[in-house]
Each structure stands twice: as structure tokens, then as C-alpha cells.
Amino acid sequence: MASRTVKNHWFVSVALPKQVHGQTFVRRTETFPTEDDAKQFAKEMLSEKHHIFAGTLLGTHLPVRRIISGSQLDSWVGVKESDLDLT
């Protein structure tokens, strides 16, 4: 039996404002091989005022999924809320 290899272990899901078929937003998800890559993308999306959440994909070496959302995002990407221009 062949084992399945997961190349991208982290994901960041972004809610993009868009009016499509009555929906007020569309969610786009990007995958990344490392946590640092995911953090960089999440930091960029936070600075553009998008609503995001991130986490790990399940795999044989990651038996538990990790989800990062809400107030955890700022500390996870390493910024203070005041560092982001939210005005």
C-alpha cells in the first residue's frame, strides 16, 4: 500500500469581499509547506483588512489539527493589533 505524502502542511483561509450569486464574500484558501510561509501570507492579508483563519492540515506526522483564528492570529503572526493599520 502506497503512503500519501502531504507537501503543504499549513493553510490560510481568507474571506474576500465580493458579491457573487447573493453571497457577501468568497473564501480563498492557500496552502504552504512551512509555518513561516503561512505566517507571512497571513500577515499580508491582515494588513489588507481581510478576515482570515489558519491552521495545519492533517497528516501522519500531525495527528491533531491546529486552528488559529480570532485574537490568536495577531500573536501567531507576531504583530500587535496596533501595528496593523485598521482605520
C-alpha atoms as a PDB file:
ATOM      1  CA  MET A   1       0.000   0.000   0.000  1.00  0.00           C
ATOM      2  CA  ALA A   2       1.440   3.363  -1.012  1.00  0.00           C
ATOM      3  CA  SER A   3       1.546   6.095   1.589  1.00  0.00           C
ATOM      4  CA  ARG A   4       0.200   9.516   0.722  1.00  0.00           C
ATOM      5  CA  THR A   5       2.634  12.396   1.165  1.00  0.00           C
ATOM      6  CA  VAL A   6       1.260  15.781   2.175  1.00  0.00           C
ATOM      7  CA  LYS A   7       3.537  18.506   0.807  1.00  0.00           C
ATOM      8  CA  ASN A   8       1.648  21.506   2.168  1.00  0.00           C
ATOM      9  CA  HIS A   9       1.161  21.289   5.913  1.00  0.00           C
ATOM     10  CA  TRP A  10      -0.267  24.754   6.649  1.00  0.00           C
ATOM     11  CA  PHE A  11      -3.212  26.653   5.239  1.00  0.00           C
ATOM     12  CA  VAL A  12      -4.541  30.204   5.437  1.00  0.00           C
ATOM     13  CA  SER A  13      -8.166  30.837   4.511  1.00  0.00           C
ATOM     14  CA  VAL A  14      -9.152  34.383   3.532  1.00  0.00           C
ATOM     15  CA  ALA A  15     -12.664  35.844   3.255  1.00  0.00           C
ATOM     16  CA  LEU A  16     -12.610  38.213   0.300  1.00  0.00           C
ATOM     17  CA  PRO A  17     -15.470  40.704  -0.034  1.00  0.00           C
ATOM     18  CA  LYS A  18     -17.305  40.014  -3.265  1.00  0.00           C
ATOM     19  CA  GLN A  19     -20.885  39.945  -4.429  1.00  0.00           C
ATOM     20  CA  VAL A  20     -21.347  36.590  -6.189  1.00  0.00           C
ATOM     21  CA  HIS A  21     -24.737  34.926  -6.509  1.00  0.00           C
ATOM     22  CA  GLY A  22     -26.065  36.718  -3.419  1.00  0.00           C
ATOM     23  CA  GLN A  23     -23.020  35.893  -1.263  1.00  0.00           C
ATOM     24  CA  THR A  24     -21.325  38.771   0.527  1.00  0.00           C
ATOM     25  CA  PHE A  25     -17.873  37.158   0.470  1.00  0.00           C
ATOM     26  CA  VAL A  26     -15.872  34.418  -1.171  1.00  0.00           C
ATOM     27  CA  ARG A  27     -13.347  32.347   0.758  1.00  0.00           C
ATOM     28  CA  ARG A  28      -9.939  31.599  -0.790  1.00  0.00           C
ATOM     29  CA  THR A  29      -7.566  29.093   0.792  1.00  0.00           C
ATOM     30  CA  GLU A  30      -3.817  28.930   0.167  1.00  0.00           C
ATOM     31  CA  THR A  31      -1.540  26.101   1.338  1.00  0.00           C
ATOM     32  CA  PHE A  32       2.089  26.394   2.450  1.00  0.00           C
ATOM     33  CA  PRO A  33       4.925  23.949   3.165  1.00  0.00           C
ATOM     34  CA  THR A  34       6.076  25.775   6.305  1.00  0.00           C
ATOM     35  CA  GLU A  35       4.521  27.678   9.177  1.00  0.00           C
ATOM     36  CA  ASP A  36       6.724  30.707   8.425  1.00  0.00           C
ATOM     37  CA  ASP A  37       5.383  30.912   4.860  1.00  0.00           C
ATOM     38  CA  ALA A  38       1.813  30.703   6.159  1.00  0.00           C
ATOM     39  CA  LYS A  39       2.521  33.405   8.763  1.00  0.00           C
ATOM     40  CA  GLN A  40       3.930  35.776   6.145  1.00  0.00           C
ATOM     41  CA  PHE A  41       0.869  35.372   3.925  1.00  0.00           C
ATOM     42  CA  ALA A  42      -1.489  35.756   6.904  1.00  0.00           C
ATOM     43  CA  LYS A  43       0.322  38.921   7.985  1.00  0.00           C
ATOM     44  CA  GLU A  44      -0.128  40.403   4.499  1.00  0.00           C
ATOM     45  CA  MET A  45      -3.832  39.529   4.472  1.00  0.00           C
ATOM     46  CA  LEU A  46      -4.349  41.004   7.954  1.00  0.00           C
ATOM     47  CA  SER A  47      -2.713  44.250   6.839  1.00  0.00           C
ATOM     48  CA  GLU A  48      -5.208  44.375   3.945  1.00  0.00           C
ATOM     49  CA  LYS A  49      -8.060  44.050   6.484  1.00  0.00           C
ATOM     50  CA  HIS A  50      -9.221  40.618   5.321  1.00  0.00           C
ATOM     51  CA  HIS A  51     -10.851  38.175   7.732  1.00  0.00           C
ATOM     52  CA  ILE A  52      -8.692  35.083   7.940  1.00  0.00           C
ATOM     53  CA  PHE A  53      -8.039  31.901   9.843  1.00  0.00           C
ATOM     54  CA  ALA A  54      -5.165  29.475   9.546  1.00  0.00           C
ATOM     55  CA  GLY A  55      -4.181  26.015  10.644  1.00  0.00           C
ATOM     56  CA  THR A  56      -2.483  22.745   9.921  1.00  0.00           C
ATOM     57  CA  LEU A  57      -3.565  20.043   7.552  1.00  0.00           C
ATOM     58  CA  LEU A  58      -3.918  16.534   8.921  1.00  0.00           C
ATOM     59  CA  GLY A  59      -1.174  14.069   8.115  1.00  0.00           C
ATOM     60  CA  THR A  60       0.503  11.008   9.539  1.00  0.00           C
ATOM     61  CA  HIS A  61       3.031  13.165  11.400  1.00  0.00           C
ATOM     62  CA  LEU A  62       0.381  15.683  12.546  1.00  0.00           C
ATOM     63  CA  PRO A  63      -2.280  13.635  14.326  1.00  0.00           C
ATOM     64  CA  VAL A  64      -4.110  16.716  15.636  1.00  0.00           C
ATOM     65  CA  ARG A  65      -5.297  19.652  13.561  1.00  0.00           C
ATOM     66  CA  ARG A  66      -4.379  23.117  14.818  1.00  0.00           C
ATOM     67  CA  ILE A  67      -6.667  26.060  14.028  1.00  0.00           C
ATOM     68  CA  ILE A  68      -5.615  29.669  14.583  1.00  0.00           C
ATOM     69  CA  SER A  69      -8.333  32.322  14.470  1.00  0.00           C
ATOM     70  CA  GLY A  70      -9.600  35.478  16.102  1.00  0.00           C
ATOM     71  CA  SER A  71      -7.332  37.064  18.668  1.00  0.00           C
ATOM     72  CA  GLN A  72      -4.790  34.239  18.292  1.00  0.00           C
ATOM     73  CA  LEU A  73      -3.892  35.476  14.794  1.00  0.00           C
ATOM     74  CA  ASP A  74      -2.113  38.635  15.932  1.00  0.00           C
ATOM     75  CA  SER A  75       0.178  36.785  18.308  1.00  0.00           C
ATOM     76  CA  TRP A  76       0.682  33.906  15.835  1.00  0.00           C
ATOM     77  CA  VAL A  77       1.941  36.200  13.056  1.00  0.00           C
ATOM     78  CA  GLY A  78       3.929  38.238  15.576  1.00  0.00           C
ATOM     79  CA  VAL A  79       2.221  41.612  15.336  1.00  0.00           C
ATOM     80  CA  LYS A  80       0.295  43.747  17.757  1.00  0.00           C
ATOM     81  CA  GLU A  81      -3.153  44.895  16.676  1.00  0.00           C
ATOM     82  CA  SER A  82      -1.886  48.481  16.915  1.00  0.00           C
ATOM     83  CA  ASP A  83       0.824  47.651  14.316  1.00  0.00           C
ATOM     84  CA  LEU A  84      -1.849  46.960  11.715  1.00  0.00           C
ATOM     85  CA  ASP A  85      -3.476  49.989  10.131  1.00  0.00           C
ATOM     86  CA  LEU A  86      -7.110  49.076  10.879  1.00  0.00           C
ATOM     87  CA  THR A  87      -8.555  52.503  10.156  1.00  0.00           C
END
